[in-house]
C-alpha atoms as a PDB file:
ATOM      1  CA  MET A   1     -48.220  13.337 -43.861  1.00  0.00           C
ATOM      2  CA  LYS A   2     -46.270  16.566 -44.419  1.00  0.00           C
ATOM      3  CA  LEU A   3     -49.265  18.587 -43.280  1.00  0.00           C
ATOM      4  CA  ARG A   4     -49.457  16.516 -40.107  1.00  0.00           C
ATOM      5  CA  LEU A   5     -45.750  17.049 -39.402  1.00  0.00           C
ATOM      6  CA  VAL A   6     -46.103  20.783 -39.987  1.00  0.00           C
ATOM      7  CA  ALA A   7     -49.139  20.895 -37.707  1.00  0.00           C
ATOM      8  CA  ARG A   8     -47.246  19.027 -34.985  1.00  0.00           C
ATOM      9  CA  ALA A   9     -44.267  21.339 -35.369  1.00  0.00           C
ATOM     10  CA  LEU A  10     -46.494  24.387 -35.065  1.00  0.00           C
ATOM     11  CA  LEU A  11     -48.199  22.902 -32.018  1.00  0.00           C
ATOM     12  CA  SER A  12     -44.812  22.180 -30.430  1.00  0.00           C
ATOM     13  CA  LEU A  13     -43.716  25.760 -31.063  1.00  0.00           C
ATOM     14  CA  ALA A  14     -46.946  27.051 -29.539  1.00  0.00           C
ATOM     15  CA  VAL A  15     -46.452  24.890 -26.441  1.00  0.00           C
ATOM     16  CA  LEU A  16     -42.845  25.994 -26.092  1.00  0.00           C
ATOM     17  CA  SER A  17     -43.894  29.629 -26.524  1.00  0.00           C
ATOM     18  CA  ALA A  18     -46.607  29.289 -23.883  1.00  0.00           C
ATOM     19  CA  PHE A  19     -44.168  27.592 -21.521  1.00  0.00           C
ATOM     20  CA  ALA A  20     -41.623  30.365 -22.025  1.00  0.00           C
ATOM     21  CA  GLN A  21     -44.286  32.967 -21.365  1.00  0.00           C
ATOM     22  CA  GLY A  22     -45.283  31.107 -18.233  1.00  0.00           C
ATOM     23  CA  GLN A  23     -41.781  31.552 -16.880  1.00  0.00           C
ATOM     24  CA  LYS A  24     -42.065  35.335 -17.046  1.00  0.00           C
ATOM     25  CA  PHE A  25     -43.912  37.654 -14.689  1.00  0.00           C
ATOM     26  CA  SER A  26     -47.511  37.939 -15.847  1.00  0.00           C
ATOM     27  CA  GLY A  27     -49.631  40.933 -14.886  1.00  0.00           C
ATOM     28  CA  VAL A  28     -52.700  38.992 -16.036  1.00  0.00           C
ATOM     29  CA  ARG A  29     -51.936  36.150 -13.615  1.00  0.00           C
ATOM     30  CA  ALA A  30     -51.153  38.655 -10.848  1.00  0.00           C
ATOM     31  CA  MET A  31     -54.485  40.374 -11.435  1.00  0.00           C
ATOM     32  CA  ASP A  32     -56.293  37.041 -11.322  1.00  0.00           C
ATOM     33  CA  LEU A  33     -54.535  36.186  -8.046  1.00  0.00           C
ATOM     34  CA  THR A  34     -55.531  39.602  -6.686  1.00  0.00           C
ATOM     35  CA  ARG A  35     -59.160  38.933  -7.579  1.00  0.00           C
ATOM     36  CA  GLN A  36     -59.065  35.509  -5.933  1.00  0.00           C
ATOM     37  CA  TYR A  37     -57.323  36.803  -2.818  1.00  0.00           C
ATOM     38  CA  VAL A  38     -59.540  39.846  -2.278  1.00  0.00           C
ATOM     39  CA  THR A  39     -62.734  37.925  -3.050  1.00  0.00           C
ATOM     40  CA  THR A  40     -61.792  35.031  -0.770  1.00  0.00           C
ATOM     41  CA  SER A  41     -60.693  37.108   2.219  1.00  0.00           C
ATOM     42  CA  GLY A  42     -62.678  40.339   1.929  1.00  0.00           C
ATOM     43  CA  PRO A  43     -61.811  42.706   4.798  1.00  0.00           C
ATOM     44  CA  ARG A  44     -58.893  41.065   6.626  1.00  0.00           C
ATOM     45  CA  TRP A  45     -58.105  43.226   9.608  1.00  0.00           C
ATOM     46  CA  LEU A  46     -56.260  41.708  12.561  1.00  0.00           C
ATOM     47  CA  GLY A  47     -58.334  39.124  14.399  1.00  0.00           C
ATOM     48  CA  SER A  48     -61.094  38.950  11.789  1.00  0.00           C
ATOM     49  CA  PRO A  49     -62.437  35.867   9.989  1.00  0.00           C
ATOM     50  CA  GLY A  50     -61.165  37.445   6.756  1.00  0.00           C
ATOM     51  CA  HIS A  51     -57.658  37.616   8.202  1.00  0.00           C
ATOM     52  CA  ALA A  52     -57.759  33.872   8.904  1.00  0.00           C
ATOM     53  CA  LYS A  53     -58.960  33.292   5.319  1.00  0.00           C
ATOM     54  CA  ALA A  54     -56.075  35.425   4.003  1.00  0.00           C
ATOM     55  CA  GLU A  55     -53.570  33.348   5.982  1.00  0.00           C
ATOM     56  CA  ALA A  56     -55.114  30.136   4.649  1.00  0.00           C
ATOM     57  CA  PHE A  57     -55.019  31.450   1.061  1.00  0.00           C
ATOM     58  CA  ILE A  58     -51.313  32.275   1.305  1.00  0.00           C
ATOM     59  CA  LYS A  59     -50.455  28.939   2.881  1.00  0.00           C
ATOM     60  CA  LYS A  60     -52.424  26.994   0.263  1.00  0.00           C
ATOM     61  CA  PHE A  61     -50.635  28.826  -2.554  1.00  0.00           C
ATOM     62  CA  PHE A  62     -47.252  28.007  -1.026  1.00  0.00           C
ATOM     63  CA  ALA A  63     -47.964  24.343  -0.324  1.00  0.00           C
ATOM     64  CA  PRO A  64     -44.982  23.299  -2.528  1.00  0.00           C
ATOM     65  CA  GLU A  65     -42.610  25.531  -0.516  1.00  0.00           C
ATOM     66  CA  ILE A  66     -44.081  24.293   2.772  1.00  0.00           C
ATOM     67  CA  ALA A  67     -43.362  20.721   1.635  1.00  0.00           C
ATOM     68  CA  LYS A  68     -39.756  21.669   0.813  1.00  0.00           C
ATOM     69  CA  GLY A  69     -39.164  23.452   4.130  1.00  0.00           C
ATOM     70  CA  GLN A  70     -38.827  26.832   2.381  1.00  0.00           C
ATOM     71  CA  PHE A  71     -41.796  28.433   4.170  1.00  0.00           C
ATOM     72  CA  GLU A  72     -41.589  29.979   7.635  1.00  0.00           C
ATOM     73  CA  GLU A  73     -44.358  31.262   9.904  1.00  0.00           C
ATOM     74  CA  ASP A  74     -43.388  34.050  12.267  1.00  0.00           C
ATOM     75  CA  ALA A  75     -46.100  34.580  14.886  1.00  0.00           C
ATOM     76  CA  PHE A  76     -46.094  37.605  17.158  1.00  0.00           C
ATOM     77  CA  THR A  77     -48.419  39.568  19.433  1.00  0.00           C
ATOM     78  CA  ALA A  78     -48.917  43.270  18.787  1.00  0.00           C
ATOM     79  CA  SER A  79     -49.614  45.571  21.716  1.00  0.00           C
ATOM     80  CA  THR A  80     -52.101  47.983  20.146  1.00  0.00           C
ATOM     81  CA  PRO A  81     -54.632  50.648  21.198  1.00  0.00           C
ATOM     82  CA  ALA A  82     -57.263  47.881  20.823  1.00  0.00           C
ATOM     83  CA  GLY A  83     -55.338  45.547  23.128  1.00  0.00           C
ATOM     84  CA  TYR A  84     -53.110  42.595  22.322  1.00  0.00           C
ATOM     85  CA  LEU A  85     -53.731  41.286  18.813  1.00  0.00           C
ATOM     86  CA  PRO A  86     -52.124  38.233  17.177  1.00  0.00           C
ATOM     87  CA  GLY A  87     -50.163  38.701  13.963  1.00  0.00           C
ATOM     88  CA  LYS A  88     -48.251  36.436  11.656  1.00  0.00           C
ATOM     89  CA  ASN A  89     -45.532  37.098   9.090  1.00  0.00           C
ATOM     90  CA  PHE A  90     -44.849  34.553   6.361  1.00  0.00           C
ATOM     91  CA  ILE A  91     -41.400  34.153   4.800  1.00  0.00           C
ATOM     92  CA  VAL A  92     -40.912  32.135   1.616  1.00  0.00           C
ATOM     93  CA  LYS A  93     -37.276  31.367   0.793  1.00  0.00           C
ATOM     94  CA  PHE A  94     -35.847  30.736  -2.672  1.00  0.00           C
ATOM     95  CA  PRO A  95     -32.165  29.835  -2.195  1.00  0.00           C
ATOM     96  CA  GLY A  96     -29.607  31.438  -4.488  1.00  0.00           C
ATOM     97  CA  LYS A  97     -26.028  30.663  -5.425  1.00  0.00           C
ATOM     98  CA  LYS A  98     -24.375  33.705  -3.801  1.00  0.00           C
ATOM     99  CA  ASP A  99     -24.167  34.645  -0.138  1.00  0.00           C
ATOM    100  CA  GLY A 100     -26.736  37.307   0.593  1.00  0.00           C
ATOM    101  CA  ILE A 101     -30.494  37.874   0.503  1.00  0.00           C
ATOM    102  CA  ILE A 102     -32.851  40.162  -1.404  1.00  0.00           C
ATOM    103  CA  VAL A 103     -36.151  40.576   0.456  1.00  0.00           C
ATOM    104  CA  LEU A 104     -39.360  41.421  -1.433  1.00  0.00           C
ATOM    105  CA  ALA A 105     -42.114  42.468   0.962  1.00  0.00           C
ATOM    106  CA  SER A 106     -45.785  43.393   1.114  1.00  0.00           C
ATOM    107  CA  HIS A 107     -48.282  43.661   3.947  1.00  0.00           C
ATOM    108  CA  TYR A 108     -51.335  41.462   3.477  1.00  0.00           C
ATOM    109  CA  GLU A 109     -53.910  42.686   6.012  1.00  0.00           C
ATOM    110  CA  THR A 110     -56.387  45.571   5.780  1.00  0.00           C
ATOM    111  CA  ASN A 111     -56.865  48.663   7.906  1.00  0.00           C
ATOM    112  CA  TYR A 112     -58.310  47.957  11.380  1.00  0.00           C
ATOM    113  CA  PRO A 113     -60.117  51.308  11.910  1.00  0.00           C
ATOM    114  CA  LEU A 114     -61.966  50.735   8.600  1.00  0.00           C
ATOM    115  CA  ARG A 115     -63.253  47.322   9.668  1.00  0.00           C
ATOM    116  CA  ASN A 116     -66.901  48.466   9.582  1.00  0.00           C
ATOM    117  CA  ILE A 117     -67.001  49.930   6.036  1.00  0.00           C
ATOM    118  CA  ASN A 118     -66.231  46.829   3.922  1.00  0.00           C
ATOM    119  CA  PHE A 119     -62.708  48.023   3.129  1.00  0.00           C
ATOM    120  CA  VAL A 120     -61.182  45.237   0.997  1.00  0.00           C
ATOM    121  CA  GLY A 121     -57.870  46.935   0.163  1.00  0.00           C
ATOM    122  CA  ALA A 122     -57.629  45.818  -3.469  1.00  0.00           C
ATOM    123  CA  ASN A 123     -54.623  48.075  -4.073  1.00  0.00           C
ATOM    124  CA  ASP A 124     -53.580  48.563  -0.459  1.00  0.00           C
ATOM    125  CA  GLY A 125     -52.302  45.116   0.406  1.00  0.00           C
ATOM    126  CA  GLY A 126     -54.328  42.913  -1.928  1.00  0.00           C
ATOM    127  CA  ALA A 127     -52.609  43.460  -5.265  1.00  0.00           C
ATOM    128  CA  THR A 128     -49.116  43.527  -3.780  1.00  0.00           C
ATOM    129  CA  THR A 129     -49.729  40.267  -1.942  1.00  0.00           C
ATOM    130  CA  ALA A 130     -50.674  38.798  -5.325  1.00  0.00           C
ATOM    131  CA  LEU A 131     -47.640  40.445  -6.943  1.00  0.00           C
ATOM    132  CA  LEU A 132     -45.366  38.537  -4.557  1.00  0.00           C
ATOM    133  CA  MET A 133     -47.232  35.314  -5.339  1.00  0.00           C
ATOM    134  CA  GLU A 134     -46.676  35.848  -9.050  1.00  0.00           C
ATOM    135  CA  MET A 135     -43.002  36.556  -8.286  1.00  0.00           C
ATOM    136  CA  ALA A 136     -43.014  33.099  -6.678  1.00  0.00           C
ATOM    137  CA  ASN A 137     -44.282  31.636  -9.953  1.00  0.00           C
ATOM    138  CA  VAL A 138     -41.258  33.195 -11.660  1.00  0.00           C
ATOM    139  CA  LEU A 139     -38.844  31.983  -8.985  1.00  0.00           C
ATOM    140  CA  ARG A 140     -40.233  28.452  -9.094  1.00  0.00           C
ATOM    141  CA  THR A 141     -39.245  28.148 -12.752  1.00  0.00           C
ATOM    142  CA  HIS A 142     -36.193  30.434 -12.536  1.00  0.00           C
ATOM    143  CA  PRO A 143     -34.465  29.753  -9.177  1.00  0.00           C
ATOM    144  CA  PRO A 144     -32.163  32.632  -8.211  1.00  0.00           C
ATOM    145  CA  GLU A 145     -28.754  32.470  -9.873  1.00  0.00           C
ATOM    146  CA  GLY A 146     -27.383  35.193  -7.603  1.00  0.00           C
ATOM    147  CA  TYR A 147     -28.515  36.189  -4.119  1.00  0.00           C
ATOM    148  CA  SER A 148     -31.292  34.248  -2.417  1.00  0.00           C
ATOM    149  CA  VAL A 149     -34.715  35.848  -2.755  1.00  0.00           C
ATOM    150  CA  TRP A 150     -37.048  35.843   0.240  1.00  0.00           C
ATOM    151  CA  LEU A 151     -40.690  36.860  -0.049  1.00  0.00           C
ATOM    152  CA  LEU A 152     -41.979  38.486   3.133  1.00  0.00           C
ATOM    153  CA  PHE A 153     -45.746  38.687   3.617  1.00  0.00           C
ATOM    154  CA  ASP A 154     -45.796  40.941   6.639  1.00  0.00           C
ATOM    155  CA  ASP A 155     -48.727  41.523   8.945  1.00  0.00           C
ATOM    156  CA  ALA A 156     -50.057  44.452  10.992  1.00  0.00           C
ATOM    157  CA  GLU A 157     -48.601  47.233   8.861  1.00  0.00           C
ATOM    158  CA  GLU A 158     -51.644  49.421   9.420  1.00  0.00           C
ATOM    159  CA  ALA A 159     -52.259  51.523  12.520  1.00  0.00           C
ATOM    160  CA  VAL A 160     -54.891  50.024  14.816  1.00  0.00           C
ATOM    161  CA  GLY A 161     -55.867  53.361  16.371  1.00  0.00           C
ATOM    162  CA  ASP A 162     -57.283  56.356  14.515  1.00  0.00           C
ATOM    163  CA  HIS A 163     -53.963  58.137  14.052  1.00  0.00           C
ATOM    164  CA  TRP A 164     -50.946  56.848  12.095  1.00  0.00           C
ATOM    165  CA  ASP A 165     -47.926  56.677  14.392  1.00  0.00           C
ATOM    166  CA  THR A 166     -44.956  54.641  13.203  1.00  0.00           C
ATOM    167  CA  GLN A 167     -43.339  54.765  16.630  1.00  0.00           C
ATOM    168  CA  ARG A 168     -46.252  53.481  18.699  1.00  0.00           C
ATOM    169  CA  ASP A 169     -49.000  52.183  16.435  1.00  0.00           C
ATOM    170  CA  ALA A 170     -48.067  50.808  13.004  1.00  0.00           C
ATOM    171  CA  LEU A 171     -45.546  48.580  11.224  1.00  0.00           C
ATOM    172  CA  TYR A 172     -45.873  45.881  13.895  1.00  0.00           C
ATOM    173  CA  GLY A 173     -44.935  42.995  11.623  1.00  0.00           C
ATOM    174  CA  THR A 174     -41.798  44.477  10.091  1.00  0.00           C
ATOM    175  CA  LYS A 175     -40.649  45.839  13.450  1.00  0.00           C
ATOM    176  CA  HIS A 176     -40.914  42.321  14.846  1.00  0.00           C
ATOM    177  CA  ILE A 177     -39.147  40.542  11.985  1.00  0.00           C
ATOM    178  CA  ALA A 178     -36.415  43.185  11.692  1.00  0.00           C
ATOM    179  CA  ALA A 179     -35.638  42.748  15.407  1.00  0.00           C
ATOM    180  CA  LYS A 180     -35.739  38.949  15.082  1.00  0.00           C
ATOM    181  CA  TRP A 181     -33.397  38.960  12.093  1.00  0.00           C
ATOM    182  CA  ALA A 182     -31.056  41.362  13.881  1.00  0.00           C
ATOM    183  CA  ALA A 183     -30.884  38.967  16.843  1.00  0.00           C
ATOM    184  CA  ASN A 184     -30.306  35.782  14.817  1.00  0.00           C
ATOM    185  CA  GLY A 185     -27.708  37.214  12.424  1.00  0.00           C
ATOM    186  CA  THR A 186     -29.896  37.349   9.302  1.00  0.00           C
ATOM    187  CA  LEU A 187     -30.003  41.152   9.003  1.00  0.00           C
ATOM    188  CA  PRO A 188     -26.382  41.704   7.843  1.00  0.00           C
ATOM    189  CA  LYS A 189     -26.978  39.225   5.001  1.00  0.00           C
ATOM    190  CA  ILE A 190     -29.792  41.329   3.485  1.00  0.00           C
ATOM    191  CA  LYS A 191     -28.446  43.180   0.441  1.00  0.00           C
ATOM    192  CA  ALA A 192     -31.711  45.016  -0.236  1.00  0.00           C
ATOM    193  CA  PHE A 193     -35.233  45.222   1.167  1.00  0.00           C
ATOM    194  CA  LEU A 194     -37.707  45.981  -1.631  1.00  0.00           C
ATOM    195  CA  LEU A 195     -41.239  46.899  -0.575  1.00  0.00           C
ATOM    196  CA  ALA A 196     -44.316  46.702  -2.808  1.00  0.00           C
ATOM    197  CA  ASP A 197     -47.200  48.937  -1.756  1.00  0.00           C
ATOM    198  CA  MET A 198     -50.163  50.328  -3.712  1.00  0.00           C
ATOM    199  CA  CYS A 199     -48.470  49.754  -7.068  1.00  0.00           C
ATOM    200  CA  ALA A 200     -51.424  48.371  -9.049  1.00  0.00           C
ATOM    201  CA  ASP A 201     -53.273  51.684  -9.500  1.00  0.00           C
ATOM    202  CA  LYS A 202     -54.724  51.889 -13.045  1.00  0.00           C
ATOM    203  CA  ASP A 203     -53.149  55.349 -13.325  1.00  0.00           C
ATOM    204  CA  LEU A 204     -49.754  54.114 -12.175  1.00  0.00           C
ATOM    205  CA  ASN A 205     -46.933  56.471 -11.315  1.00  0.00           C
ATOM    206  CA  ILE A 206     -44.443  55.183  -8.780  1.00  0.00           C
ATOM    207  CA  ASN A 207     -43.142  57.903  -6.494  1.00  0.00           C
ATOM    208  CA  ARG A 208     -39.556  58.920  -5.980  1.00  0.00           C
ATOM    209  CA  GLU A 209     -39.748  57.862  -2.354  1.00  0.00           C
ATOM    210  CA  THR A 210     -37.219  59.862  -0.329  1.00  0.00           C
ATOM    211  CA  ASN A 211     -37.000  57.519   2.681  1.00  0.00           C
ATOM    212  CA  SER A 212     -35.506  54.932   0.327  1.00  0.00           C
ATOM    213  CA  THR A 213     -31.758  54.319  -0.050  1.00  0.00           C
ATOM    214  CA  PRO A 214     -30.360  56.535  -2.851  1.00  0.00           C
ATOM    215  CA  TRP A 215     -28.462  53.827  -4.736  1.00  0.00           C
ATOM    216  CA  LEU A 216     -31.584  51.674  -4.866  1.00  0.00           C
ATOM    217  CA  THR A 217     -33.613  54.652  -6.098  1.00  0.00           C
ATOM    218  CA  ASP A 218     -31.003  55.095  -8.845  1.00  0.00           C
ATOM    219  CA  LEU A 219     -31.304  51.397  -9.719  1.00  0.00           C
ATOM    220  CA  LEU A 220     -35.084  51.735  -9.957  1.00  0.00           C
ATOM    221  CA  LYS A 221     -34.629  54.516 -12.485  1.00  0.00           C
ATOM    222  CA  GLN A 222     -32.300  52.228 -14.456  1.00  0.00           C
ATOM    223  CA  ALA A 223     -34.742  49.312 -14.146  1.00  0.00           C
ATOM    224  CA  ALA A 224     -37.546  51.483 -15.531  1.00  0.00           C
ATOM    225  CA  LYS A 225     -35.366  52.518 -18.464  1.00  0.00           C
ATOM    226  CA  ASN A 226     -34.317  48.923 -19.163  1.00  0.00           C
ATOM    227  CA  THR A 227     -37.910  47.671 -19.154  1.00  0.00           C
ATOM    228  CA  GLY A 228     -39.431  50.590 -21.064  1.00  0.00           C
ATOM    229  CA  HIS A 229     -41.384  51.875 -18.059  1.00  0.00           C
ATOM    230  CA  SER A 230     -39.711  55.253 -17.458  1.00  0.00           C
ATOM    231  CA  ASN A 231     -43.043  57.036 -17.982  1.00  0.00           C
ATOM    232  CA  SER A 232     -44.495  55.181 -14.985  1.00  0.00           C
ATOM    233  CA  ILE A 233     -42.070  56.437 -12.333  1.00  0.00           C
ATOM    234  CA  PHE A 234     -40.898  59.566 -10.550  1.00  0.00           C
ATOM    235  CA  LYS A 235     -43.412  62.175 -11.700  1.00  0.00           C
ATOM    236  CA  LEU A 236     -43.932  62.954  -8.008  1.00  0.00           C
ATOM    237  CA  GLU A 237     -41.661  62.842  -4.971  1.00  0.00           C
ATOM    238  CA  SER A 238     -42.674  62.103  -1.409  1.00  0.00           C
ATOM    239  CA  ALA A 239     -41.399  60.674   1.856  1.00  0.00           C
ATOM    240  CA  VAL A 240     -43.585  57.732   2.849  1.00  0.00           C
ATOM    241  CA  GLU A 241     -43.678  56.163   6.310  1.00  0.00           C
ATOM    242  CA  ASP A 242     -43.997  52.514   5.405  1.00  0.00           C
ATOM    243  CA  ASP A 243     -42.861  48.977   6.152  1.00  0.00           C
ATOM    244  CA  HIS A 244     -39.307  49.654   4.993  1.00  0.00           C
ATOM    245  CA  LEU A 245     -38.557  52.006   7.899  1.00  0.00           C
ATOM    246  CA  PRO A 246     -37.775  49.346  10.569  1.00  0.00           C
ATOM    247  CA  PHE A 247     -35.150  47.940   8.202  1.00  0.00           C
ATOM    248  CA  LYS A 248     -33.783  51.338   7.212  1.00  0.00           C
ATOM    249  CA  GLN A 249     -33.366  52.192  10.900  1.00  0.00           C
ATOM    250  CA  ARG A 250     -31.198  49.078  11.284  1.00  0.00           C
ATOM    251  CA  GLY A 251     -28.955  49.979   8.354  1.00  0.00           C
ATOM    252  CA  VAL A 252     -30.462  47.782   5.625  1.00  0.00           C
ATOM    253  CA  PRO A 253     -30.654  49.315   2.108  1.00  0.00           C
ATOM    254  CA  VAL A 254     -34.367  49.829   1.379  1.00  0.00           C
ATOM    255  CA  LEU A 255     -36.638  50.799  -1.501  1.00  0.00           C
ATOM    256  CA  ASP A 256     -40.368  51.525  -1.329  1.00  0.00           C
ATOM    257  CA  ILE A 257     -42.020  50.932  -4.718  1.00  0.00           C
ATOM    258  CA  ILE A 258     -45.263  52.793  -4.090  1.00  0.00           C
ATOM    259  CA  ASP A 259     -47.805  54.997  -5.861  1.00  0.00           C
ATOM    260  CA  ILE A 260     -49.198  56.943  -2.919  1.00  0.00           C
ATOM    261  CA  ASN A 261     -51.335  59.178  -5.183  1.00  0.00           C
ATOM    262  CA  TYR A 262     -54.291  56.861  -5.677  1.00  0.00           C
ATOM    263  CA  GLY A 263     -57.460  58.234  -7.254  1.00  0.00           C
ATOM    264  CA  PRO A 264     -58.854  61.792  -7.459  1.00  0.00           C
ATOM    265  CA  SER A 265     -58.586  63.997  -4.386  1.00  0.00           C
ATOM    266  CA  SER A 266     -61.772  65.573  -3.045  1.00  0.00           C
ATOM    267  CA  PHE A 267     -62.918  67.464   0.028  1.00  0.00           C
ATOM    268  CA  MET A 268     -64.407  64.300   1.500  1.00  0.00           C
ATOM    269  CA  HIS A 269     -61.480  62.105   0.407  1.00  0.00           C
ATOM    270  CA  PRO A 270     -58.292  64.191   0.191  1.00  0.00           C
ATOM    271  CA  ASP A 271     -56.237  60.988  -0.315  1.00  0.00           C
ATOM    272  CA  GLY A 272     -58.424  59.711  -3.145  1.00  0.00           C
ATOM    273  CA  TYR A 273     -59.320  56.029  -2.873  1.00  0.00           C
ATOM    274  CA  HIS A 274     -56.642  55.390  -0.250  1.00  0.00           C
ATOM    275  CA  HIS A 275     -58.207  54.043   2.952  1.00  0.00           C
ATOM    276  CA  THR A 276     -61.766  54.256   1.631  1.00  0.00           C
ATOM    277  CA  ALA A 277     -64.356  51.685   0.598  1.00  0.00           C
ATOM    278  CA  ASP A 278     -63.562  52.705  -3.000  1.00  0.00           C
ATOM    279  CA  ASP A 279     -60.256  50.791  -2.951  1.00  0.00           C
ATOM    280  CA  THR A 280     -61.805  48.036  -5.050  1.00  0.00           C
ATOM    281  CA  LEU A 281     -60.774  45.735  -7.886  1.00  0.00           C
ATOM    282  CA  ASP A 282     -62.056  48.064 -10.608  1.00  0.00           C
ATOM    283  CA  LYS A 283     -59.465  50.689  -9.605  1.00  0.00           C
ATOM    284  CA  ILE A 284     -56.465  48.489 -10.403  1.00  0.00           C
ATOM    285  CA  SER A 285     -55.206  46.777 -13.543  1.00  0.00           C
ATOM    286  CA  ALA A 286     -53.179  43.888 -14.922  1.00  0.00           C
ATOM    287  CA  ALA A 287     -51.198  46.441 -16.959  1.00  0.00           C
ATOM    288  CA  SER A 288     -50.015  48.229 -13.815  1.00  0.00           C
ATOM    289  CA  LEU A 289     -49.187  44.939 -12.125  1.00  0.00           C
ATOM    290  CA  GLN A 290     -47.156  44.008 -15.204  1.00  0.00           C
ATOM    291  CA  ILE A 291     -45.161  47.230 -14.938  1.00  0.00           C
ATOM    292  CA  SER A 292     -44.520  46.758 -11.218  1.00  0.00           C
ATOM    293  CA  GLY A 293     -43.621  43.102 -11.689  1.00  0.00           C
ATOM    294  CA  ASP A 294     -41.207  43.923 -14.512  1.00  0.00           C
ATOM    295  CA  LEU A 295     -39.520  46.462 -12.237  1.00  0.00           C
ATOM    296  CA  PHE A 296     -39.107  43.975  -9.377  1.00  0.00           C
ATOM    297  CA  VAL A 297     -37.666  41.311 -11.678  1.00  0.00           C
ATOM    298  CA  GLU A 298     -35.215  43.802 -13.183  1.00  0.00           C
ATOM    299  CA  MET A 299     -34.288  45.166  -9.745  1.00  0.00           C
ATOM    300  CA  ILE A 300     -33.235  41.679  -8.654  1.00  0.00           C
ATOM    301  CA  ARG A 301     -31.017  41.397 -11.714  1.00  0.00           C
ATOM    302  CA  LEU A 302     -29.457  44.844 -11.215  1.00  0.00           C
ATOM    303  CA  ILE A 303     -28.842  44.329  -7.496  1.00  0.00           C
ATOM    304  CA  ASN A 304     -26.975  41.124  -8.301  1.00  0.00           C
ATOM    305  CA  GLN A 305     -24.812  43.069 -10.759  1.00  0.00           C
ATOM    306  CA  SER A 306     -24.317  46.142  -8.577  1.00  0.00           C
ATOM    307  CA  GLY A 307     -21.591  44.902  -6.264  1.00  0.00           C
ATOM    308  CA  HIS A 308     -23.380  46.196  -3.162  1.00  0.00           C
END
């Protein structure tokens, strides 16, 4: 009888331990979601069958939030060098207890000019889409105690023409939603806009991104220290033109959590795996997703404490 009671007690502890672990960000789960997402959608450039599959994957994952009225679709039409193309942002809202919003964002589509080379964007859009989904798993079990947290899956980040041009041909989704939120009064409520991009690289080192707001960059350094990830940030500095710019231009504090140095540079591929068919699942890792997820979770906590 005693042995049975001990066995039950140990089983109960194991279940409680597993449940507690399930409430935390899991790089393993994020990697599994990345694999599912990339495998299901494949190339997902604007207007492609893969893009429709990506939309369906996101909506299926957020069925509970759709049922609760916490999921918003934001359709728009992008005027591009390839003509008018339909896009769609998705916003998932987790209400907090304080006035104000922290936005976590990632683009979910793949590069349009690379549509003929089987570019699946495992790191460039795939892993960060999954990272936000795993953040949702955390928020489902730990609703925000401070500011509300909104997950923004933004569309049409990539240039449609052959040349990157943030003014005329790129960042369509965040330009649209930033303008919409400025018009409806949402924008002043945003305390911070945190962007995830290319932060699942096996050889992870998140840049000191100089287009980001300085106080948020300082908080990221503190978040890395608090989580034991200081060795994974700020070895390199660069200014990145990315989805945070439309919000920065409207006065919102922004932070781009990005590792732009992805894979070895060569004559044929000076940017490594970035925007090549080599941006595949074997180039990313659960360990790097764990680091990035830990940083996002800690950033939410620090922003709530910061007084900004």
